PDBML (XML) file of the C-alpha atoms, coordinates in Angstrom:
<?xml version="1.0" encoding="UTF-8" ?>
<PDBx:datablock datablockName="MODEL"
   xmlns:PDBx="http://pdbml.pdb.org/schema/pdbx-v50.xsd"
   xmlns:xsi="http://www.w3.org/2001/XMLSchema-instance"
   xsi:schemaLocation="http://pdbml.pdb.org/schema/pdbx-v50.xsd pdbx-v50.xsd">
   <PDBx:atom_siteCategory>
      <PDBx:atom_site id="1">
         <PDBx:B_iso_or_equiv>0.00</PDBx:B_iso_or_equiv>
         <PDBx:Cartn_x>-32.409</PDBx:Cartn_x>
         <PDBx:Cartn_y>-32.755</PDBx:Cartn_y>
         <PDBx:Cartn_z>36.749</PDBx:Cartn_z>
         <PDBx:auth_asym_id>A</PDBx:auth_asym_id>
         <PDBx:auth_atom_id>CA</PDBx:auth_atom_id>
         <PDBx:auth_comp_id>ASN</PDBx:auth_comp_id>
         <PDBx:auth_seq_id>1</PDBx:auth_seq_id>
         <PDBx:group_PDB>ATOM</PDBx:group_PDB>
         <PDBx:label_alt_id xsi:nil="true" />
         <PDBx:label_asym_id>A</PDBx:label_asym_id>
         <PDBx:label_atom_id>CA</PDBx:label_atom_id>
         <PDBx:label_comp_id>ASN</PDBx:label_comp_id>
         <PDBx:label_entity_id>1</PDBx:label_entity_id>
         <PDBx:label_seq_id>1</PDBx:label_seq_id>
         <PDBx:occupancy>1.00</PDBx:occupancy>
         <PDBx:pdbx_PDB_model_num>1</PDBx:pdbx_PDB_model_num>
         <PDBx:type_symbol>C</PDBx:type_symbol>
      </PDBx:atom_site>
      <PDBx:atom_site id="2">
         <PDBx:B_iso_or_equiv>0.00</PDBx:B_iso_or_equiv>
         <PDBx:Cartn_x>-30.782</PDBx:Cartn_x>
         <PDBx:Cartn_y>-30.699</PDBx:Cartn_y>
         <PDBx:Cartn_z>35.350</PDBx:Cartn_z>
         <PDBx:auth_asym_id>A</PDBx:auth_asym_id>
         <PDBx:auth_atom_id>CA</PDBx:auth_atom_id>
         <PDBx:auth_comp_id>LEU</PDBx:auth_comp_id>
         <PDBx:auth_seq_id>2</PDBx:auth_seq_id>
         <PDBx:group_PDB>ATOM</PDBx:group_PDB>
         <PDBx:label_alt_id xsi:nil="true" />
         <PDBx:label_asym_id>A</PDBx:label_asym_id>
         <PDBx:label_atom_id>CA</PDBx:label_atom_id>
         <PDBx:label_comp_id>LEU</PDBx:label_comp_id>
         <PDBx:label_entity_id>1</PDBx:label_entity_id>
         <PDBx:label_seq_id>2</PDBx:label_seq_id>
         <PDBx:occupancy>1.00</PDBx:occupancy>
         <PDBx:pdbx_PDB_model_num>1</PDBx:pdbx_PDB_model_num>
         <PDBx:type_symbol>C</PDBx:type_symbol>
      </PDBx:atom_site>
      <PDBx:atom_site id="3">
         <PDBx:B_iso_or_equiv>0.00</PDBx:B_iso_or_equiv>
         <PDBx:Cartn_x>-27.906</PDBx:Cartn_x>
         <PDBx:Cartn_y>-33.419</PDBx:Cartn_y>
         <PDBx:Cartn_z>33.871</PDBx:Cartn_z>
         <PDBx:auth_asym_id>A</PDBx:auth_asym_id>
         <PDBx:auth_atom_id>CA</PDBx:auth_atom_id>
         <PDBx:auth_comp_id>MET</PDBx:auth_comp_id>
         <PDBx:auth_seq_id>3</PDBx:auth_seq_id>
         <PDBx:group_PDB>ATOM</PDBx:group_PDB>
         <PDBx:label_alt_id xsi:nil="true" />
         <PDBx:label_asym_id>A</PDBx:label_asym_id>
         <PDBx:label_atom_id>CA</PDBx:label_atom_id>
         <PDBx:label_comp_id>MET</PDBx:label_comp_id>
         <PDBx:label_entity_id>1</PDBx:label_entity_id>
         <PDBx:label_seq_id>3</PDBx:label_seq_id>
         <PDBx:occupancy>1.00</PDBx:occupancy>
         <PDBx:pdbx_PDB_model_num>1</PDBx:pdbx_PDB_model_num>
         <PDBx:type_symbol>C</PDBx:type_symbol>
      </PDBx:atom_site>
      <PDBx:atom_site id="4">
         <PDBx:B_iso_or_equiv>0.00</PDBx:B_iso_or_equiv>
         <PDBx:Cartn_x>-30.969</PDBx:Cartn_x>
         <PDBx:Cartn_y>-35.828</PDBx:Cartn_y>
         <PDBx:Cartn_z>32.924</PDBx:Cartn_z>
         <PDBx:auth_asym_id>A</PDBx:auth_asym_id>
         <PDBx:auth_atom_id>CA</PDBx:auth_atom_id>
         <PDBx:auth_comp_id>SER</PDBx:auth_comp_id>
         <PDBx:auth_seq_id>4</PDBx:auth_seq_id>
         <PDBx:group_PDB>ATOM</PDBx:group_PDB>
         <PDBx:label_alt_id xsi:nil="true" />
         <PDBx:label_asym_id>A</PDBx:label_asym_id>
         <PDBx:label_atom_id>CA</PDBx:label_atom_id>
         <PDBx:label_comp_id>SER</PDBx:label_comp_id>
         <PDBx:label_entity_id>1</PDBx:label_entity_id>
         <PDBx:label_seq_id>4</PDBx:label_seq_id>
         <PDBx:occupancy>1.00</PDBx:occupancy>
         <PDBx:pdbx_PDB_model_num>1</PDBx:pdbx_PDB_model_num>
         <PDBx:type_symbol>C</PDBx:type_symbol>
      </PDBx:atom_site>
      <PDBx:atom_site id="5">
         <PDBx:B_iso_or_equiv>0.00</PDBx:B_iso_or_equiv>
         <PDBx:Cartn_x>-32.495</PDBx:Cartn_x>
         <PDBx:Cartn_y>-32.950</PDBx:Cartn_y>
         <PDBx:Cartn_z>30.942</PDBx:Cartn_z>
         <PDBx:auth_asym_id>A</PDBx:auth_asym_id>
         <PDBx:auth_atom_id>CA</PDBx:auth_atom_id>
         <PDBx:auth_comp_id>THR</PDBx:auth_comp_id>
         <PDBx:auth_seq_id>5</PDBx:auth_seq_id>
         <PDBx:group_PDB>ATOM</PDBx:group_PDB>
         <PDBx:label_alt_id xsi:nil="true" />
         <PDBx:label_asym_id>A</PDBx:label_asym_id>
         <PDBx:label_atom_id>CA</PDBx:label_atom_id>
         <PDBx:label_comp_id>THR</PDBx:label_comp_id>
         <PDBx:label_entity_id>1</PDBx:label_entity_id>
         <PDBx:label_seq_id>5</PDBx:label_seq_id>
         <PDBx:occupancy>1.00</PDBx:occupancy>
         <PDBx:pdbx_PDB_model_num>1</PDBx:pdbx_PDB_model_num>
         <PDBx:type_symbol>C</PDBx:type_symbol>
      </PDBx:atom_site>
      <PDBx:atom_site id="6">
         <PDBx:B_iso_or_equiv>0.00</PDBx:B_iso_or_equiv>
         <PDBx:Cartn_x>-29.969</PDBx:Cartn_x>
         <PDBx:Cartn_y>-31.285</PDBx:Cartn_y>
         <PDBx:Cartn_z>29.763</PDBx:Cartn_z>
         <PDBx:auth_asym_id>A</PDBx:auth_asym_id>
         <PDBx:auth_atom_id>CA</PDBx:auth_atom_id>
         <PDBx:auth_comp_id>VAL</PDBx:auth_comp_id>
         <PDBx:auth_seq_id>6</PDBx:auth_seq_id>
         <PDBx:group_PDB>ATOM</PDBx:group_PDB>
         <PDBx:label_alt_id xsi:nil="true" />
         <PDBx:label_asym_id>A</PDBx:label_asym_id>
         <PDBx:label_atom_id>CA</PDBx:label_atom_id>
         <PDBx:label_comp_id>VAL</PDBx:label_comp_id>
         <PDBx:label_entity_id>1</PDBx:label_entity_id>
         <PDBx:label_seq_id>6</PDBx:label_seq_id>
         <PDBx:occupancy>1.00</PDBx:occupancy>
         <PDBx:pdbx_PDB_model_num>1</PDBx:pdbx_PDB_model_num>
         <PDBx:type_symbol>C</PDBx:type_symbol>
      </PDBx:atom_site>
      <PDBx:atom_site id="7">
         <PDBx:B_iso_or_equiv>0.00</PDBx:B_iso_or_equiv>
         <PDBx:Cartn_x>-28.069</PDBx:Cartn_x>
         <PDBx:Cartn_y>-34.516</PDBx:Cartn_y>
         <PDBx:Cartn_z>28.106</PDBx:Cartn_z>
         <PDBx:auth_asym_id>A</PDBx:auth_asym_id>
         <PDBx:auth_atom_id>CA</PDBx:auth_atom_id>
         <PDBx:auth_comp_id>LEU</PDBx:auth_comp_id>
         <PDBx:auth_seq_id>7</PDBx:auth_seq_id>
         <PDBx:group_PDB>ATOM</PDBx:group_PDB>
         <PDBx:label_alt_id xsi:nil="true" />
         <PDBx:label_asym_id>A</PDBx:label_asym_id>
         <PDBx:label_atom_id>CA</PDBx:label_atom_id>
         <PDBx:label_comp_id>LEU</PDBx:label_comp_id>
         <PDBx:label_entity_id>1</PDBx:label_entity_id>
         <PDBx:label_seq_id>7</PDBx:label_seq_id>
         <PDBx:occupancy>1.00</PDBx:occupancy>
         <PDBx:pdbx_PDB_model_num>1</PDBx:pdbx_PDB_model_num>
         <PDBx:type_symbol>C</PDBx:type_symbol>
      </PDBx:atom_site>
      <PDBx:atom_site id="8">
         <PDBx:B_iso_or_equiv>0.00</PDBx:B_iso_or_equiv>
         <PDBx:Cartn_x>-31.101</PDBx:Cartn_x>
         <PDBx:Cartn_y>-35.756</PDBx:Cartn_y>
         <PDBx:Cartn_z>26.794</PDBx:Cartn_z>
         <PDBx:auth_asym_id>A</PDBx:auth_asym_id>
         <PDBx:auth_atom_id>CA</PDBx:auth_atom_id>
         <PDBx:auth_comp_id>VAL</PDBx:auth_comp_id>
         <PDBx:auth_seq_id>8</PDBx:auth_seq_id>
         <PDBx:group_PDB>ATOM</PDBx:group_PDB>
         <PDBx:label_alt_id xsi:nil="true" />
         <PDBx:label_asym_id>A</PDBx:label_asym_id>
         <PDBx:label_atom_id>CA</PDBx:label_atom_id>
         <PDBx:label_comp_id>VAL</PDBx:label_comp_id>
         <PDBx:label_entity_id>1</PDBx:label_entity_id>
         <PDBx:label_seq_id>8</PDBx:label_seq_id>
         <PDBx:occupancy>1.00</PDBx:occupancy>
         <PDBx:pdbx_PDB_model_num>1</PDBx:pdbx_PDB_model_num>
         <PDBx:type_symbol>C</PDBx:type_symbol>
      </PDBx:atom_site>
      <PDBx:atom_site id="9">
         <PDBx:B_iso_or_equiv>0.00</PDBx:B_iso_or_equiv>
         <PDBx:Cartn_x>-31.336</PDBx:Cartn_x>
         <PDBx:Cartn_y>-32.840</PDBx:Cartn_y>
         <PDBx:Cartn_z>24.368</PDBx:Cartn_z>
         <PDBx:auth_asym_id>A</PDBx:auth_asym_id>
         <PDBx:auth_atom_id>CA</PDBx:auth_atom_id>
         <PDBx:auth_comp_id>ILE</PDBx:auth_comp_id>
         <PDBx:auth_seq_id>9</PDBx:auth_seq_id>
         <PDBx:group_PDB>ATOM</PDBx:group_PDB>
         <PDBx:label_alt_id xsi:nil="true" />
         <PDBx:label_asym_id>A</PDBx:label_asym_id>
         <PDBx:label_atom_id>CA</PDBx:label_atom_id>
         <PDBx:label_comp_id>ILE</PDBx:label_comp_id>
         <PDBx:label_entity_id>1</PDBx:label_entity_id>
         <PDBx:label_seq_id>9</PDBx:label_seq_id>
         <PDBx:occupancy>1.00</PDBx:occupancy>
         <PDBx:pdbx_PDB_model_num>1</PDBx:pdbx_PDB_model_num>
         <PDBx:type_symbol>C</PDBx:type_symbol>
      </PDBx:atom_site>
      <PDBx:atom_site id="10">
         <PDBx:B_iso_or_equiv>0.00</PDBx:B_iso_or_equiv>
         <PDBx:Cartn_x>-27.272</PDBx:Cartn_x>
         <PDBx:Cartn_y>-32.390</PDBx:Cartn_y>
         <PDBx:Cartn_z>24.017</PDBx:Cartn_z>
         <PDBx:auth_asym_id>A</PDBx:auth_asym_id>
         <PDBx:auth_atom_id>CA</PDBx:auth_atom_id>
         <PDBx:auth_comp_id>ILE</PDBx:auth_comp_id>
         <PDBx:auth_seq_id>10</PDBx:auth_seq_id>
         <PDBx:group_PDB>ATOM</PDBx:group_PDB>
         <PDBx:label_alt_id xsi:nil="true" />
         <PDBx:label_asym_id>A</PDBx:label_asym_id>
         <PDBx:label_atom_id>CA</PDBx:label_atom_id>
         <PDBx:label_comp_id>ILE</PDBx:label_comp_id>
         <PDBx:label_entity_id>1</PDBx:label_entity_id>
         <PDBx:label_seq_id>10</PDBx:label_seq_id>
         <PDBx:occupancy>1.00</PDBx:occupancy>
         <PDBx:pdbx_PDB_model_num>1</PDBx:pdbx_PDB_model_num>
         <PDBx:type_symbol>C</PDBx:type_symbol>
      </PDBx:atom_site>
      <PDBx:atom_site id="11">
         <PDBx:B_iso_or_equiv>0.00</PDBx:B_iso_or_equiv>
         <PDBx:Cartn_x>-27.679</PDBx:Cartn_x>
         <PDBx:Cartn_y>-36.472</PDBx:Cartn_y>
         <PDBx:Cartn_z>22.705</PDBx:Cartn_z>
         <PDBx:auth_asym_id>A</PDBx:auth_asym_id>
         <PDBx:auth_atom_id>CA</PDBx:auth_atom_id>
         <PDBx:auth_comp_id>PHE</PDBx:auth_comp_id>
         <PDBx:auth_seq_id>11</PDBx:auth_seq_id>
         <PDBx:group_PDB>ATOM</PDBx:group_PDB>
         <PDBx:label_alt_id xsi:nil="true" />
         <PDBx:label_asym_id>A</PDBx:label_asym_id>
         <PDBx:label_atom_id>CA</PDBx:label_atom_id>
         <PDBx:label_comp_id>PHE</PDBx:label_comp_id>
         <PDBx:label_entity_id>1</PDBx:label_entity_id>
         <PDBx:label_seq_id>11</PDBx:label_seq_id>
         <PDBx:occupancy>1.00</PDBx:occupancy>
         <PDBx:pdbx_PDB_model_num>1</PDBx:pdbx_PDB_model_num>
         <PDBx:type_symbol>C</PDBx:type_symbol>
      </PDBx:atom_site>
      <PDBx:atom_site id="12">
         <PDBx:B_iso_or_equiv>0.00</PDBx:B_iso_or_equiv>
         <PDBx:Cartn_x>-30.794</PDBx:Cartn_x>
         <PDBx:Cartn_y>-35.703</PDBx:Cartn_y>
         <PDBx:Cartn_z>21.088</PDBx:Cartn_z>
         <PDBx:auth_asym_id>A</PDBx:auth_asym_id>
         <PDBx:auth_atom_id>CA</PDBx:auth_atom_id>
         <PDBx:auth_comp_id>SER</PDBx:auth_comp_id>
         <PDBx:auth_seq_id>12</PDBx:auth_seq_id>
         <PDBx:group_PDB>ATOM</PDBx:group_PDB>
         <PDBx:label_alt_id xsi:nil="true" />
         <PDBx:label_asym_id>A</PDBx:label_asym_id>
         <PDBx:label_atom_id>CA</PDBx:label_atom_id>
         <PDBx:label_comp_id>SER</PDBx:label_comp_id>
         <PDBx:label_entity_id>1</PDBx:label_entity_id>
         <PDBx:label_seq_id>12</PDBx:label_seq_id>
         <PDBx:occupancy>1.00</PDBx:occupancy>
         <PDBx:pdbx_PDB_model_num>1</PDBx:pdbx_PDB_model_num>
         <PDBx:type_symbol>C</PDBx:type_symbol>
      </PDBx:atom_site>
      <PDBx:atom_site id="13">
         <PDBx:B_iso_or_equiv>0.00</PDBx:B_iso_or_equiv>
         <PDBx:Cartn_x>-29.956</PDBx:Cartn_x>
         <PDBx:Cartn_y>-32.760</PDBx:Cartn_y>
         <PDBx:Cartn_z>19.135</PDBx:Cartn_z>
         <PDBx:auth_asym_id>A</PDBx:auth_asym_id>
         <PDBx:auth_atom_id>CA</PDBx:auth_atom_id>
         <PDBx:auth_comp_id>TYR</PDBx:auth_comp_id>
         <PDBx:auth_seq_id>13</PDBx:auth_seq_id>
         <PDBx:group_PDB>ATOM</PDBx:group_PDB>
         <PDBx:label_alt_id xsi:nil="true" />
         <PDBx:label_asym_id>A</PDBx:label_asym_id>
         <PDBx:label_atom_id>CA</PDBx:label_atom_id>
         <PDBx:label_comp_id>TYR</PDBx:label_comp_id>
         <PDBx:label_entity_id>1</PDBx:label_entity_id>
         <PDBx:label_seq_id>13</PDBx:label_seq_id>
         <PDBx:occupancy>1.00</PDBx:occupancy>
         <PDBx:pdbx_PDB_model_num>1</PDBx:pdbx_PDB_model_num>
         <PDBx:type_symbol>C</PDBx:type_symbol>
      </PDBx:atom_site>
      <PDBx:atom_site id="14">
         <PDBx:B_iso_or_equiv>0.00</PDBx:B_iso_or_equiv>
         <PDBx:Cartn_x>-26.050</PDBx:Cartn_x>
         <PDBx:Cartn_y>-34.501</PDBx:Cartn_y>
         <PDBx:Cartn_z>18.484</PDBx:Cartn_z>
         <PDBx:auth_asym_id>A</PDBx:auth_asym_id>
         <PDBx:auth_atom_id>CA</PDBx:auth_atom_id>
         <PDBx:auth_comp_id>ILE</PDBx:auth_comp_id>
         <PDBx:auth_seq_id>14</PDBx:auth_seq_id>
         <PDBx:group_PDB>ATOM</PDBx:group_PDB>
         <PDBx:label_alt_id xsi:nil="true" />
         <PDBx:label_asym_id>A</PDBx:label_asym_id>
         <PDBx:label_atom_id>CA</PDBx:label_atom_id>
         <PDBx:label_comp_id>ILE</PDBx:label_comp_id>
         <PDBx:label_entity_id>1</PDBx:label_entity_id>
         <PDBx:label_seq_id>14</PDBx:label_seq_id>
         <PDBx:occupancy>1.00</PDBx:occupancy>
         <PDBx:pdbx_PDB_model_num>1</PDBx:pdbx_PDB_model_num>
         <PDBx:type_symbol>C</PDBx:type_symbol>
      </PDBx:atom_site>
      <PDBx:atom_site id="15">
         <PDBx:B_iso_or_equiv>0.00</PDBx:B_iso_or_equiv>
         <PDBx:Cartn_x>-28.164</PDBx:Cartn_x>
         <PDBx:Cartn_y>-37.527</PDBx:Cartn_y>
         <PDBx:Cartn_z>15.922</PDBx:Cartn_z>
         <PDBx:auth_asym_id>A</PDBx:auth_asym_id>
         <PDBx:auth_atom_id>CA</PDBx:auth_atom_id>
         <PDBx:auth_comp_id>TYR</PDBx:auth_comp_id>
         <PDBx:auth_seq_id>15</PDBx:auth_seq_id>
         <PDBx:group_PDB>ATOM</PDBx:group_PDB>
         <PDBx:label_alt_id xsi:nil="true" />
         <PDBx:label_asym_id>A</PDBx:label_asym_id>
         <PDBx:label_atom_id>CA</PDBx:label_atom_id>
         <PDBx:label_comp_id>TYR</PDBx:label_comp_id>
         <PDBx:label_entity_id>1</PDBx:label_entity_id>
         <PDBx:label_seq_id>15</PDBx:label_seq_id>
         <PDBx:occupancy>1.00</PDBx:occupancy>
         <PDBx:pdbx_PDB_model_num>1</PDBx:pdbx_PDB_model_num>
         <PDBx:type_symbol>C</PDBx:type_symbol>
      </PDBx:atom_site>
      <PDBx:atom_site id="16">
         <PDBx:B_iso_or_equiv>0.00</PDBx:B_iso_or_equiv>
         <PDBx:Cartn_x>-30.239</PDBx:Cartn_x>
         <PDBx:Cartn_y>-35.010</PDBx:Cartn_y>
         <PDBx:Cartn_z>14.377</PDBx:Cartn_z>
         <PDBx:auth_asym_id>A</PDBx:auth_asym_id>
         <PDBx:auth_atom_id>CA</PDBx:auth_atom_id>
         <PDBx:auth_comp_id>ILE</PDBx:auth_comp_id>
         <PDBx:auth_seq_id>16</PDBx:auth_seq_id>
         <PDBx:group_PDB>ATOM</PDBx:group_PDB>
         <PDBx:label_alt_id xsi:nil="true" />
         <PDBx:label_asym_id>A</PDBx:label_asym_id>
         <PDBx:label_atom_id>CA</PDBx:label_atom_id>
         <PDBx:label_comp_id>ILE</PDBx:label_comp_id>
         <PDBx:label_entity_id>1</PDBx:label_entity_id>
         <PDBx:label_seq_id>16</PDBx:label_seq_id>
         <PDBx:occupancy>1.00</PDBx:occupancy>
         <PDBx:pdbx_PDB_model_num>1</PDBx:pdbx_PDB_model_num>
         <PDBx:type_symbol>C</PDBx:type_symbol>
      </PDBx:atom_site>
      <PDBx:atom_site id="17">
         <PDBx:B_iso_or_equiv>0.00</PDBx:B_iso_or_equiv>
         <PDBx:Cartn_x>-27.524</PDBx:Cartn_x>
         <PDBx:Cartn_y>-32.489</PDBx:Cartn_y>
         <PDBx:Cartn_z>13.494</PDBx:Cartn_z>
         <PDBx:auth_asym_id>A</PDBx:auth_asym_id>
         <PDBx:auth_atom_id>CA</PDBx:auth_atom_id>
         <PDBx:auth_comp_id>LEU</PDBx:auth_comp_id>
         <PDBx:auth_seq_id>17</PDBx:auth_seq_id>
         <PDBx:group_PDB>ATOM</PDBx:group_PDB>
         <PDBx:label_alt_id xsi:nil="true" />
         <PDBx:label_asym_id>A</PDBx:label_asym_id>
         <PDBx:label_atom_id>CA</PDBx:label_atom_id>
         <PDBx:label_comp_id>LEU</PDBx:label_comp_id>
         <PDBx:label_entity_id>1</PDBx:label_entity_id>
         <PDBx:label_seq_id>17</PDBx:label_seq_id>
         <PDBx:occupancy>1.00</PDBx:occupancy>
         <PDBx:pdbx_PDB_model_num>1</PDBx:pdbx_PDB_model_num>
         <PDBx:type_symbol>C</PDBx:type_symbol>
      </PDBx:atom_site>
      <PDBx:atom_site id="18">
         <PDBx:B_iso_or_equiv>0.00</PDBx:B_iso_or_equiv>
         <PDBx:Cartn_x>-26.098</PDBx:Cartn_x>
         <PDBx:Cartn_y>-36.423</PDBx:Cartn_y>
         <PDBx:Cartn_z>12.375</PDBx:Cartn_z>
         <PDBx:auth_asym_id>A</PDBx:auth_asym_id>
         <PDBx:auth_atom_id>CA</PDBx:auth_atom_id>
         <PDBx:auth_comp_id>GLY</PDBx:auth_comp_id>
         <PDBx:auth_seq_id>18</PDBx:auth_seq_id>
         <PDBx:group_PDB>ATOM</PDBx:group_PDB>
         <PDBx:label_alt_id xsi:nil="true" />
         <PDBx:label_asym_id>A</PDBx:label_asym_id>
         <PDBx:label_atom_id>CA</PDBx:label_atom_id>
         <PDBx:label_comp_id>GLY</PDBx:label_comp_id>
         <PDBx:label_entity_id>1</PDBx:label_entity_id>
         <PDBx:label_seq_id>18</PDBx:label_seq_id>
         <PDBx:occupancy>1.00</PDBx:occupancy>
         <PDBx:pdbx_PDB_model_num>1</PDBx:pdbx_PDB_model_num>
         <PDBx:type_symbol>C</PDBx:type_symbol>
      </PDBx:atom_site>
      <PDBx:atom_site id="19">
         <PDBx:B_iso_or_equiv>0.00</PDBx:B_iso_or_equiv>
         <PDBx:Cartn_x>-29.397</PDBx:Cartn_x>
         <PDBx:Cartn_y>-37.171</PDBx:Cartn_y>
         <PDBx:Cartn_z>10.416</PDBx:Cartn_z>
         <PDBx:auth_asym_id>A</PDBx:auth_asym_id>
         <PDBx:auth_atom_id>CA</PDBx:auth_atom_id>
         <PDBx:auth_comp_id>ALA</PDBx:auth_comp_id>
         <PDBx:auth_seq_id>19</PDBx:auth_seq_id>
         <PDBx:group_PDB>ATOM</PDBx:group_PDB>
         <PDBx:label_alt_id xsi:nil="true" />
         <PDBx:label_asym_id>A</PDBx:label_asym_id>
         <PDBx:label_atom_id>CA</PDBx:label_atom_id>
         <PDBx:label_comp_id>ALA</PDBx:label_comp_id>
         <PDBx:label_entity_id>1</PDBx:label_entity_id>
         <PDBx:label_seq_id>19</PDBx:label_seq_id>
         <PDBx:occupancy>1.00</PDBx:occupancy>
         <PDBx:pdbx_PDB_model_num>1</PDBx:pdbx_PDB_model_num>
         <PDBx:type_symbol>C</PDBx:type_symbol>
      </PDBx:atom_site>
      <PDBx:atom_site id="20">
         <PDBx:B_iso_or_equiv>0.00</PDBx:B_iso_or_equiv>
         <PDBx:Cartn_x>-29.043</PDBx:Cartn_x>
         <PDBx:Cartn_y>-33.047</PDBx:Cartn_y>
         <PDBx:Cartn_z>8.828</PDBx:Cartn_z>
         <PDBx:auth_asym_id>A</PDBx:auth_asym_id>
         <PDBx:auth_atom_id>CA</PDBx:auth_atom_id>
         <PDBx:auth_comp_id>ILE</PDBx:auth_comp_id>
         <PDBx:auth_seq_id>20</PDBx:auth_seq_id>
         <PDBx:group_PDB>ATOM</PDBx:group_PDB>
         <PDBx:label_alt_id xsi:nil="true" />
         <PDBx:label_asym_id>A</PDBx:label_asym_id>
         <PDBx:label_atom_id>CA</PDBx:label_atom_id>
         <PDBx:label_comp_id>ILE</PDBx:label_comp_id>
         <PDBx:label_entity_id>1</PDBx:label_entity_id>
         <PDBx:label_seq_id>20</PDBx:label_seq_id>
         <PDBx:occupancy>1.00</PDBx:occupancy>
         <PDBx:pdbx_PDB_model_num>1</PDBx:pdbx_PDB_model_num>
         <PDBx:type_symbol>C</PDBx:type_symbol>
      </PDBx:atom_site>
      <PDBx:atom_site id="21">
         <PDBx:B_iso_or_equiv>0.00</PDBx:B_iso_or_equiv>
         <PDBx:Cartn_x>-24.838</PDBx:Cartn_x>
         <PDBx:Cartn_y>-33.154</PDBx:Cartn_y>
         <PDBx:Cartn_z>8.001</PDBx:Cartn_z>
         <PDBx:auth_asym_id>A</PDBx:auth_asym_id>
         <PDBx:auth_atom_id>CA</PDBx:auth_atom_id>
         <PDBx:auth_comp_id>LEU</PDBx:auth_comp_id>
         <PDBx:auth_seq_id>21</PDBx:auth_seq_id>
         <PDBx:group_PDB>ATOM</PDBx:group_PDB>
         <PDBx:label_alt_id xsi:nil="true" />
         <PDBx:label_asym_id>A</PDBx:label_asym_id>
         <PDBx:label_atom_id>CA</PDBx:label_atom_id>
         <PDBx:label_comp_id>LEU</PDBx:label_comp_id>
         <PDBx:label_entity_id>1</PDBx:label_entity_id>
         <PDBx:label_seq_id>21</PDBx:label_seq_id>
         <PDBx:occupancy>1.00</PDBx:occupancy>
         <PDBx:pdbx_PDB_model_num>1</PDBx:pdbx_PDB_model_num>
         <PDBx:type_symbol>C</PDBx:type_symbol>
      </PDBx:atom_site>
      <PDBx:atom_site id="22">
         <PDBx:B_iso_or_equiv>0.00</PDBx:B_iso_or_equiv>
         <PDBx:Cartn_x>-26.704</PDBx:Cartn_x>
         <PDBx:Cartn_y>-36.840</PDBx:Cartn_y>
         <PDBx:Cartn_z>5.576</PDBx:Cartn_z>
         <PDBx:auth_asym_id>A</PDBx:auth_asym_id>
         <PDBx:auth_atom_id>CA</PDBx:auth_atom_id>
         <PDBx:auth_comp_id>LYS</PDBx:auth_comp_id>
         <PDBx:auth_seq_id>22</PDBx:auth_seq_id>
         <PDBx:group_PDB>ATOM</PDBx:group_PDB>
         <PDBx:label_alt_id xsi:nil="true" />
         <PDBx:label_asym_id>A</PDBx:label_asym_id>
         <PDBx:label_atom_id>CA</PDBx:label_atom_id>
         <PDBx:label_comp_id>LYS</PDBx:label_comp_id>
         <PDBx:label_entity_id>1</PDBx:label_entity_id>
         <PDBx:label_seq_id>22</PDBx:label_seq_id>
         <PDBx:occupancy>1.00</PDBx:occupancy>
         <PDBx:pdbx_PDB_model_num>1</PDBx:pdbx_PDB_model_num>
         <PDBx:type_symbol>C</PDBx:type_symbol>
      </PDBx:atom_site>
      <PDBx:atom_site id="23">
         <PDBx:B_iso_or_equiv>0.00</PDBx:B_iso_or_equiv>
         <PDBx:Cartn_x>-29.671</PDBx:Cartn_x>
         <PDBx:Cartn_y>-34.955</PDBx:Cartn_y>
         <PDBx:Cartn_z>3.824</PDBx:Cartn_z>
         <PDBx:auth_asym_id>A</PDBx:auth_asym_id>
         <PDBx:auth_atom_id>CA</PDBx:auth_atom_id>
         <PDBx:auth_comp_id>MET</PDBx:auth_comp_id>
         <PDBx:auth_seq_id>23</PDBx:auth_seq_id>
         <PDBx:group_PDB>ATOM</PDBx:group_PDB>
         <PDBx:label_alt_id xsi:nil="true" />
         <PDBx:label_asym_id>A</PDBx:label_asym_id>
         <PDBx:label_atom_id>CA</PDBx:label_atom_id>
         <PDBx:label_comp_id>MET</PDBx:label_comp_id>
         <PDBx:label_entity_id>1</PDBx:label_entity_id>
         <PDBx:label_seq_id>23</PDBx:label_seq_id>
         <PDBx:occupancy>1.00</PDBx:occupancy>
         <PDBx:pdbx_PDB_model_num>1</PDBx:pdbx_PDB_model_num>
         <PDBx:type_symbol>C</PDBx:type_symbol>
      </PDBx:atom_site>
      <PDBx:atom_site id="24">
         <PDBx:B_iso_or_equiv>0.00</PDBx:B_iso_or_equiv>
         <PDBx:Cartn_x>-28.554</PDBx:Cartn_x>
         <PDBx:Cartn_y>-34.390</PDBx:Cartn_y>
         <PDBx:Cartn_z>0.064</PDBx:Cartn_z>
         <PDBx:auth_asym_id>A</PDBx:auth_asym_id>
         <PDBx:auth_atom_id>CA</PDBx:auth_atom_id>
         <PDBx:auth_comp_id>SER</PDBx:auth_comp_id>
         <PDBx:auth_seq_id>24</PDBx:auth_seq_id>
         <PDBx:group_PDB>ATOM</PDBx:group_PDB>
         <PDBx:label_alt_id xsi:nil="true" />
         <PDBx:label_asym_id>A</PDBx:label_asym_id>
         <PDBx:label_atom_id>CA</PDBx:label_atom_id>
         <PDBx:label_comp_id>SER</PDBx:label_comp_id>
         <PDBx:label_entity_id>1</PDBx:label_entity_id>
         <PDBx:label_seq_id>24</PDBx:label_seq_id>
         <PDBx:occupancy>1.00</PDBx:occupancy>
         <PDBx:pdbx_PDB_model_num>1</PDBx:pdbx_PDB_model_num>
         <PDBx:type_symbol>C</PDBx:type_symbol>
      </PDBx:atom_site>
      <PDBx:atom_site id="25">
         <PDBx:B_iso_or_equiv>0.00</PDBx:B_iso_or_equiv>
         <PDBx:Cartn_x>-31.250</PDBx:Cartn_x>
         <PDBx:Cartn_y>-32.667</PDBx:Cartn_y>
         <PDBx:Cartn_z>-0.255</PDBx:Cartn_z>
         <PDBx:auth_asym_id>A</PDBx:auth_asym_id>
         <PDBx:auth_atom_id>CA</PDBx:auth_atom_id>
         <PDBx:auth_comp_id>SER</PDBx:auth_comp_id>
         <PDBx:auth_seq_id>25</PDBx:auth_seq_id>
         <PDBx:group_PDB>ATOM</PDBx:group_PDB>
         <PDBx:label_alt_id xsi:nil="true" />
         <PDBx:label_asym_id>A</PDBx:label_asym_id>
         <PDBx:label_atom_id>CA</PDBx:label_atom_id>
         <PDBx:label_comp_id>SER</PDBx:label_comp_id>
         <PDBx:label_entity_id>1</PDBx:label_entity_id>
         <PDBx:label_seq_id>25</PDBx:label_seq_id>
         <PDBx:occupancy>1.00</PDBx:occupancy>
         <PDBx:pdbx_PDB_model_num>1</PDBx:pdbx_PDB_model_num>
         <PDBx:type_symbol>C</PDBx:type_symbol>
      </PDBx:atom_site>
   </PDBx:atom_siteCategory>
</PDBx:datablock>
């Protein structure tokens, strides 16, 4: 329960951070 939910959160925010850094605005 902990590993599956933590991994979903971590990978989600890794992709979110990548998308935010690519924003020009």
